[in-house]
Structure formats: structure tokens, C-alpha cells
ModelCIF file with pLDDT and N, C-alpha, C, O atoms, coordinates in Angstrom:
data_MODEL
#
_entry.id   MODEL 
#
_entity.id                         1 
_entity.type                       polymer 
_entity.pdbx_number_of_molecules   1 
#
_entity_poly.entity_id                      1 
_entity_poly.type                           'polypeptide(L)' 
_entity_poly.nstd_linkage                   no 
_entity_poly.nstd_monomer                   no 
_entity_poly.pdbx_seq_one_letter_code       VAQTAGITLHIELLYGTNNHHICEAIYKGF 
_entity_poly.pdbx_seq_one_letter_code_can   VAQTAGITLHIELLYGTNNHHICEAIYKGF 
_entity_poly.pdbx_strand_id                 A 
#
loop_
_entity_poly_seq.entity_id 
_entity_poly_seq.num 
_entity_poly_seq.mon_id 
_entity_poly_seq.hetero 
1 1  VAL n 
1 2  ALA n 
1 3  GLN n 
1 4  THR n 
1 5  ALA n 
1 6  GLY n 
1 7  ILE n 
1 8  THR n 
1 9  LEU n 
1 10 HIS n 
1 11 ILE n 
1 12 GLU n 
1 13 LEU n 
1 14 LEU n 
1 15 TYR n 
1 16 GLY n 
1 17 THR n 
1 18 ASN n 
1 19 ASN n 
1 20 HIS n 
1 21 HIS n 
1 22 ILE n 
1 23 CYS n 
1 24 GLU n 
1 25 ALA n 
1 26 ILE n 
1 27 TYR n 
1 28 LYS n 
1 29 GLY n 
1 30 PHE n 
#
_struct_asym.id          A 
_struct_asym.entity_id   1 
#
loop_
_ma_qa_metric.id 
_ma_qa_metric.mode 
_ma_qa_metric.name 
_ma_qa_metric.software_group_id 
_ma_qa_metric.type 
1 global pLDDT . pLDDT 
2 local  pLDDT . pLDDT 
#
_ma_qa_metric_global.metric_id      1 
_ma_qa_metric_global.metric_value   98.03 
_ma_qa_metric_global.model_id       1 
_ma_qa_metric_global.ordinal_id     1 
#
loop_
_ma_qa_metric_local.label_asym_id 
_ma_qa_metric_local.label_comp_id 
_ma_qa_metric_local.label_seq_id 
_ma_qa_metric_local.metric_id 
_ma_qa_metric_local.metric_value 
_ma_qa_metric_local.model_id 
_ma_qa_metric_local.ordinal_id 
A VAL 1  2 98.00 1 1  
A ALA 2  2 98.00 1 2  
A GLN 3  2 98.00 1 3  
A THR 4  2 98.00 1 4  
A ALA 5  2 98.00 1 5  
A GLY 6  2 97.00 1 6  
A ILE 7  2 98.00 1 7  
A THR 8  2 98.00 1 8  
A LEU 9  2 98.00 1 9  
A HIS 10 2 99.00 1 10 
A ILE 11 2 98.00 1 11 
A GLU 12 2 98.00 1 12 
A LEU 13 2 98.00 1 13 
A LEU 14 2 98.00 1 14 
A TYR 15 2 98.00 1 15 
A GLY 16 2 98.00 1 16 
A THR 17 2 98.00 1 17 
A ASN 18 2 98.00 1 18 
A ASN 19 2 98.00 1 19 
A HIS 20 2 98.00 1 20 
A HIS 21 2 98.00 1 21 
A ILE 22 2 98.00 1 22 
A CYS 23 2 98.00 1 23 
A GLU 24 2 98.00 1 24 
A ALA 25 2 98.00 1 25 
A ILE 26 2 98.00 1 26 
A TYR 27 2 98.00 1 27 
A LYS 28 2 98.00 1 28 
A GLY 29 2 98.00 1 29 
A PHE 30 2 99.00 1 30 
#
loop_
_atom_site.group_PDB 
_atom_site.id 
_atom_site.type_symbol 
_atom_site.label_atom_id 
_atom_site.label_alt_id 
_atom_site.label_comp_id 
_atom_site.label_asym_id 
_atom_site.label_entity_id 
_atom_site.label_seq_id 
_atom_site.pdbx_PDB_ins_code 
_atom_site.Cartn_x 
_atom_site.Cartn_y 
_atom_site.Cartn_z 
_atom_site.occupancy 
_atom_site.B_iso_or_equiv 
_atom_site.pdbx_formal_charge 
_atom_site.auth_seq_id 
_atom_site.auth_comp_id 
_atom_site.auth_asym_id 
_atom_site.auth_atom_id 
_atom_site.pdbx_PDB_model_num 
ATOM 1   N N  . VAL A 1 1  ? -1.669 6.199  9.681   1.00 98.00 ? 1  VAL A N  1 
ATOM 2   C CA . VAL A 1 1  ? -0.166 5.681  10.249  1.00 98.00 ? 1  VAL A CA 1 
ATOM 3   C C  . VAL A 1 1  ? 0.647  6.662  9.880   1.00 98.00 ? 1  VAL A C  1 
ATOM 4   O O  . VAL A 1 1  ? 1.346  7.172  10.755  1.00 98.00 ? 1  VAL A O  1 
ATOM 5   N N  . ALA A 1 2  ? 0.735  7.135  8.528   1.00 98.00 ? 2  ALA A N  1 
ATOM 6   C CA . ALA A 1 2  ? 1.820  8.219  8.157   1.00 98.00 ? 2  ALA A CA 1 
ATOM 7   C C  . ALA A 1 2  ? 1.840  9.378  8.954   1.00 98.00 ? 2  ALA A C  1 
ATOM 8   O O  . ALA A 1 2  ? 2.883  9.892  9.358   1.00 98.00 ? 2  ALA A O  1 
ATOM 9   N N  . GLN A 1 3  ? 0.486  9.881  9.236   1.00 98.00 ? 3  GLN A N  1 
ATOM 10  C CA . GLN A 1 3  ? 0.402  11.272 10.037  1.00 98.00 ? 3  GLN A CA 1 
ATOM 11  C C  . GLN A 1 3  ? 1.022  11.057 11.359  1.00 98.00 ? 3  GLN A C  1 
ATOM 12  O O  . GLN A 1 3  ? 1.798  11.916 11.777  1.00 98.00 ? 3  GLN A O  1 
ATOM 13  N N  . THR A 1 4  ? 0.766  10.006 12.063  1.00 98.00 ? 4  THR A N  1 
ATOM 14  C CA . THR A 1 4  ? 1.260  9.898  13.554  1.00 98.00 ? 4  THR A CA 1 
ATOM 15  C C  . THR A 1 4  ? 2.782  9.346  13.492  1.00 98.00 ? 4  THR A C  1 
ATOM 16  O O  . THR A 1 4  ? 3.468  9.614  14.478  1.00 98.00 ? 4  THR A O  1 
ATOM 17  N N  . ALA A 1 5  ? 3.336  8.674  12.543  1.00 98.00 ? 5  ALA A N  1 
ATOM 18  C CA . ALA A 1 5  ? 4.595  8.117  12.649  1.00 98.00 ? 5  ALA A CA 1 
ATOM 19  C C  . ALA A 1 5  ? 5.566  9.144  11.729  1.00 98.00 ? 5  ALA A C  1 
ATOM 20  O O  . ALA A 1 5  ? 6.763  8.895  11.591  1.00 98.00 ? 5  ALA A O  1 
ATOM 21  N N  . GLY A 1 6  ? 5.023  10.153 11.202  1.00 97.00 ? 6  GLY A N  1 
ATOM 22  C CA . GLY A 1 6  ? 5.795  11.190 10.403  1.00 97.00 ? 6  GLY A CA 1 
ATOM 23  C C  . GLY A 1 6  ? 6.521  10.772 9.162   1.00 97.00 ? 6  GLY A C  1 
ATOM 24  O O  . GLY A 1 6  ? 7.683  11.082 8.896   1.00 97.00 ? 6  GLY A O  1 
ATOM 25  N N  . ILE A 1 7  ? 5.734  10.047 8.439   1.00 98.00 ? 7  ILE A N  1 
ATOM 26  C CA . ILE A 1 7  ? 6.114  9.117  7.121   1.00 98.00 ? 7  ILE A CA 1 
ATOM 27  C C  . ILE A 1 7  ? 5.580  10.041 6.023   1.00 98.00 ? 7  ILE A C  1 
ATOM 28  O O  . ILE A 1 7  ? 4.461  10.549 6.108   1.00 98.00 ? 7  ILE A O  1 
ATOM 29  N N  . THR A 1 8  ? 6.392  10.244 5.007   1.00 98.00 ? 8  THR A N  1 
ATOM 30  C CA . THR A 1 8  ? 6.268  10.633 3.691   1.00 98.00 ? 8  THR A CA 1 
ATOM 31  C C  . THR A 1 8  ? 6.202  9.249  2.961   1.00 98.00 ? 8  THR A C  1 
ATOM 32  O O  . THR A 1 8  ? 7.174  8.531  2.725   1.00 98.00 ? 8  THR A O  1 
ATOM 33  N N  . LEU A 1 9  ? 4.684  8.953  2.592   1.00 98.00 ? 9  LEU A N  1 
ATOM 34  C CA . LEU A 1 9  ? 4.343  7.582  1.943   1.00 98.00 ? 9  LEU A CA 1 
ATOM 35  C C  . LEU A 1 9  ? 3.820  7.783  0.592   1.00 98.00 ? 9  LEU A C  1 
ATOM 36  O O  . LEU A 1 9  ? 2.991  8.648  0.310   1.00 98.00 ? 9  LEU A O  1 
ATOM 37  N N  . HIS A 1 10 ? 4.325  6.967  -0.217  1.00 99.00 ? 10 HIS A N  1 
ATOM 38  C CA . HIS A 1 10 ? 3.755  6.966  -1.545  1.00 99.00 ? 10 HIS A CA 1 
ATOM 39  C C  . HIS A 1 10 ? 3.536  5.544  -1.900  1.00 99.00 ? 10 HIS A C  1 
ATOM 40  O O  . HIS A 1 10 ? 4.407  4.681  -1.792  1.00 99.00 ? 10 HIS A O  1 
ATOM 41  N N  . ILE A 1 11 ? 2.243  5.326  -2.358  1.00 98.00 ? 11 ILE A N  1 
ATOM 42  C CA . ILE A 1 11 ? 1.510  3.903  -2.552  1.00 98.00 ? 11 ILE A CA 1 
ATOM 43  C C  . ILE A 1 11 ? 1.106  3.862  -3.899  1.00 98.00 ? 11 ILE A C  1 
ATOM 44  O O  . ILE A 1 11 ? 0.438  4.833  -4.256  1.00 98.00 ? 11 ILE A O  1 
ATOM 45  N N  . GLU A 1 12 ? 1.342  2.961  -4.773  1.00 98.00 ? 12 GLU A N  1 
ATOM 46  C CA . GLU A 1 12 ? 0.872  2.965  -6.211  1.00 98.00 ? 12 GLU A CA 1 
ATOM 47  C C  . GLU A 1 12 ? 0.604  1.491  -6.404  1.00 98.00 ? 12 GLU A C  1 
ATOM 48  O O  . GLU A 1 12 ? 1.433  0.639  -6.084  1.00 98.00 ? 12 GLU A O  1 
ATOM 49  N N  . LEU A 1 13 ? -0.692 1.180  -6.990  1.00 98.00 ? 13 LEU A N  1 
ATOM 50  C CA . LEU A 1 13 ? -0.871 0.097  -7.473  1.00 98.00 ? 13 LEU A CA 1 
ATOM 51  C C  . LEU A 1 13 ? -0.517 0.093  -8.971  1.00 98.00 ? 13 LEU A C  1 
ATOM 52  O O  . LEU A 1 13 ? -1.100 0.901  -9.694  1.00 98.00 ? 13 LEU A O  1 
ATOM 53  N N  . LEU A 1 14 ? 0.402  -0.761 -9.502  1.00 98.00 ? 14 LEU A N  1 
ATOM 54  C CA . LEU A 1 14 ? 0.811  -0.490 -10.857 1.00 98.00 ? 14 LEU A CA 1 
ATOM 55  C C  . LEU A 1 14 ? -0.163 -1.490 -11.701 1.00 98.00 ? 14 LEU A C  1 
ATOM 56  O O  . LEU A 1 14 ? -0.420 -1.134 -12.851 1.00 98.00 ? 14 LEU A O  1 
ATOM 57  N N  . TYR A 1 15 ? -0.690 -2.635 -11.258 1.00 98.00 ? 15 TYR A N  1 
ATOM 58  C CA . TYR A 1 15 ? -1.602 -3.252 -11.853 1.00 98.00 ? 15 TYR A CA 1 
ATOM 59  C C  . TYR A 1 15 ? -2.028 -4.539 -11.035 1.00 98.00 ? 15 TYR A C  1 
ATOM 60  O O  . TYR A 1 15 ? -1.274 -5.070 -10.219 1.00 98.00 ? 15 TYR A O  1 
ATOM 61  N N  . GLY A 1 16 ? -3.284 -4.987 -11.322 1.00 98.00 ? 16 GLY A N  1 
ATOM 62  C CA . GLY A 1 16 ? -3.849 -5.922 -10.453 1.00 98.00 ? 16 GLY A CA 1 
ATOM 63  C C  . GLY A 1 16 ? -5.193 -6.101 -10.658 1.00 98.00 ? 16 GLY A C  1 
ATOM 64  O O  . GLY A 1 16 ? -5.784 -5.096 -11.053 1.00 98.00 ? 16 GLY A O  1 
ATOM 65  N N  . THR A 1 17 ? -5.871 -7.135 -10.495 1.00 98.00 ? 17 THR A N  1 
ATOM 66  C CA . THR A 1 17 ? -7.426 -7.302 -10.516 1.00 98.00 ? 17 THR A CA 1 
ATOM 67  C C  . THR A 1 17 ? -7.988 -7.817 -9.421  1.00 98.00 ? 17 THR A C  1 
ATOM 68  O O  . THR A 1 17 ? -9.150 -7.472 -9.204  1.00 98.00 ? 17 THR A O  1 
ATOM 69  N N  . ASN A 1 18 ? -7.391 -8.669 -8.550  1.00 98.00 ? 18 ASN A N  1 
ATOM 70  C CA . ASN A 1 18 ? -8.088 -9.330 -7.355  1.00 98.00 ? 18 ASN A CA 1 
ATOM 71  C C  . ASN A 1 18 ? -7.770 -8.394 -6.211  1.00 98.00 ? 18 ASN A C  1 
ATOM 72  O O  . ASN A 1 18 ? -6.651 -7.968 -5.924  1.00 98.00 ? 18 ASN A O  1 
ATOM 73  N N  . ASN A 1 19 ? -8.918 -8.133 -5.593  1.00 98.00 ? 19 ASN A N  1 
ATOM 74  C CA . ASN A 1 19 ? -8.937 -7.085 -4.556  1.00 98.00 ? 19 ASN A CA 1 
ATOM 75  C C  . ASN A 1 19 ? -8.212 -7.536 -3.357  1.00 98.00 ? 19 ASN A C  1 
ATOM 76  O O  . ASN A 1 19 ? -7.621 -6.694 -2.681  1.00 98.00 ? 19 ASN A O  1 
ATOM 77  N N  . HIS A 1 20 ? -8.195 -8.871 -2.998  1.00 98.00 ? 20 HIS A N  1 
ATOM 78  C CA . HIS A 1 20 ? -7.352 -9.460 -1.904  1.00 98.00 ? 20 HIS A CA 1 
ATOM 79  C C  . HIS A 1 20 ? -5.868 -9.271 -2.244  1.00 98.00 ? 20 HIS A C  1 
ATOM 80  O O  . HIS A 1 20 ? -5.076 -8.929 -1.366  1.00 98.00 ? 20 HIS A O  1 
ATOM 81  N N  . HIS A 1 21 ? -5.523 -9.470 -3.388  1.00 98.00 ? 21 HIS A N  1 
ATOM 82  C CA . HIS A 1 21 ? -4.172 -9.634 -3.738  1.00 98.00 ? 21 HIS A CA 1 
ATOM 83  C C  . HIS A 1 21 ? -3.665 -8.168 -3.856  1.00 98.00 ? 21 HIS A C  1 
ATOM 84  O O  . HIS A 1 21 ? -2.480 -7.961 -3.594  1.00 98.00 ? 21 HIS A O  1 
ATOM 85  N N  . ILE A 1 22 ? -4.481 -7.114 -4.237  1.00 98.00 ? 22 ILE A N  1 
ATOM 86  C CA . ILE A 1 22 ? -4.177 -5.796 -4.418  1.00 98.00 ? 22 ILE A CA 1 
ATOM 87  C C  . ILE A 1 22 ? -3.828 -5.385 -2.734  1.00 98.00 ? 22 ILE A C  1 
ATOM 88  O O  . ILE A 1 22 ? -2.715 -4.978 -2.403  1.00 98.00 ? 22 ILE A O  1 
ATOM 89  N N  . CYS A 1 23 ? -4.766 -5.533 -1.928  1.00 98.00 ? 23 CYS A N  1 
ATOM 90  C CA . CYS A 1 23 ? -4.363 -5.136 -0.590  1.00 98.00 ? 23 CYS A CA 1 
ATOM 91  C C  . CYS A 1 23 ? -3.196 -5.729 0.285   1.00 98.00 ? 23 CYS A C  1 
ATOM 92  O O  . CYS A 1 23 ? -2.459 -5.086 1.033   1.00 98.00 ? 23 CYS A O  1 
ATOM 93  N N  . GLU A 1 24 ? -3.172 -7.175 0.025   1.00 98.00 ? 24 GLU A N  1 
ATOM 94  C CA . GLU A 1 24 ? -2.092 -7.724 0.650   1.00 98.00 ? 24 GLU A CA 1 
ATOM 95  C C  . GLU A 1 24 ? -0.796 -7.317 -0.023  1.00 98.00 ? 24 GLU A C  1 
ATOM 96  O O  . GLU A 1 24 ? 0.183  -7.407 0.718   1.00 98.00 ? 24 GLU A O  1 
ATOM 97  N N  . ALA A 1 25 ? -0.555 -6.876 -1.295  1.00 98.00 ? 25 ALA A N  1 
ATOM 98  C CA . ALA A 1 25 ? 0.641  -6.717 -2.018  1.00 98.00 ? 25 ALA A CA 1 
ATOM 99  C C  . ALA A 1 25 ? 0.917  -5.198 -1.535  1.00 98.00 ? 25 ALA A C  1 
ATOM 100 O O  . ALA A 1 25 ? 2.108  -4.890 -1.564  1.00 98.00 ? 25 ALA A O  1 
ATOM 101 N N  . ILE A 1 26 ? 0.095  -4.277 -1.132  1.00 98.00 ? 26 ILE A N  1 
ATOM 102 C CA . ILE A 1 26 ? 0.328  -2.980 -0.587  1.00 98.00 ? 26 ILE A CA 1 
ATOM 103 C C  . ILE A 1 26 ? 0.739  -3.118 0.886   1.00 98.00 ? 26 ILE A C  1 
ATOM 104 O O  . ILE A 1 26 ? 1.581  -2.325 1.309   1.00 98.00 ? 26 ILE A O  1 
ATOM 105 N N  . TYR A 1 27 ? 0.297  -3.919 1.598   1.00 98.00 ? 27 TYR A N  1 
ATOM 106 C CA . TYR A 1 27 ? 0.607  -3.971 3.018   1.00 98.00 ? 27 TYR A CA 1 
ATOM 107 C C  . TYR A 1 27 ? 2.038  -4.629 3.129   1.00 98.00 ? 27 TYR A C  1 
ATOM 108 O O  . TYR A 1 27 ? 2.842  -4.182 3.948   1.00 98.00 ? 27 TYR A O  1 
ATOM 109 N N  . LYS A 1 28 ? 2.383  -5.768 2.245   1.00 98.00 ? 28 LYS A N  1 
ATOM 110 C CA . LYS A 1 28 ? 3.713  -6.225 2.171   1.00 98.00 ? 28 LYS A CA 1 
ATOM 111 C C  . LYS A 1 28 ? 4.677  -5.531 1.614   1.00 98.00 ? 28 LYS A C  1 
ATOM 112 O O  . LYS A 1 28 ? 5.848  -5.732 1.938   1.00 98.00 ? 28 LYS A O  1 
ATOM 113 N N  . GLY A 1 29 ? 4.349  -4.665 0.749   1.00 98.00 ? 29 GLY A N  1 
ATOM 114 C CA . GLY A 1 29 ? 5.387  -3.517 0.111   1.00 98.00 ? 29 GLY A CA 1 
ATOM 115 C C  . GLY A 1 29 ? 5.497  -2.513 1.309   1.00 98.00 ? 29 GLY A C  1 
ATOM 116 O O  . GLY A 1 29 ? 6.656  -2.280 1.651   1.00 98.00 ? 29 GLY A O  1 
ATOM 117 N N  . PHE A 1 30 ? 4.575  -1.917 1.963   1.00 99.00 ? 30 PHE A N  1 
ATOM 118 C CA . PHE A 1 30 ? 4.873  -1.100 2.873   1.00 99.00 ? 30 PHE A CA 1 
ATOM 119 C C  . PHE A 1 30 ? 5.570  -1.721 4.082   1.00 99.00 ? 30 PHE A C  1 
ATOM 120 O O  . PHE A 1 30 ? 5.906  -1.014 5.032   1.00 99.00 ? 30 PHE A O  1 
#
């Protein structure tokens, strides 16, 4: 997505244990 939309994109997981929550938090943050 970043490549074709021309976005400089920084994604960090600060903390978390549940994999579903991790993925969903990243997508909602994006």
C-alpha cells in the first residue's frame, strides 16, 4: 500500500500480547 500510494509509513507496536488485538490496533491506527 505504501509503495503504490506514495506514503512514508511508520508502524510500531508499543506493547500487546493478543495477536488479533495487535493486528486490529495497527489497522485502526493506520
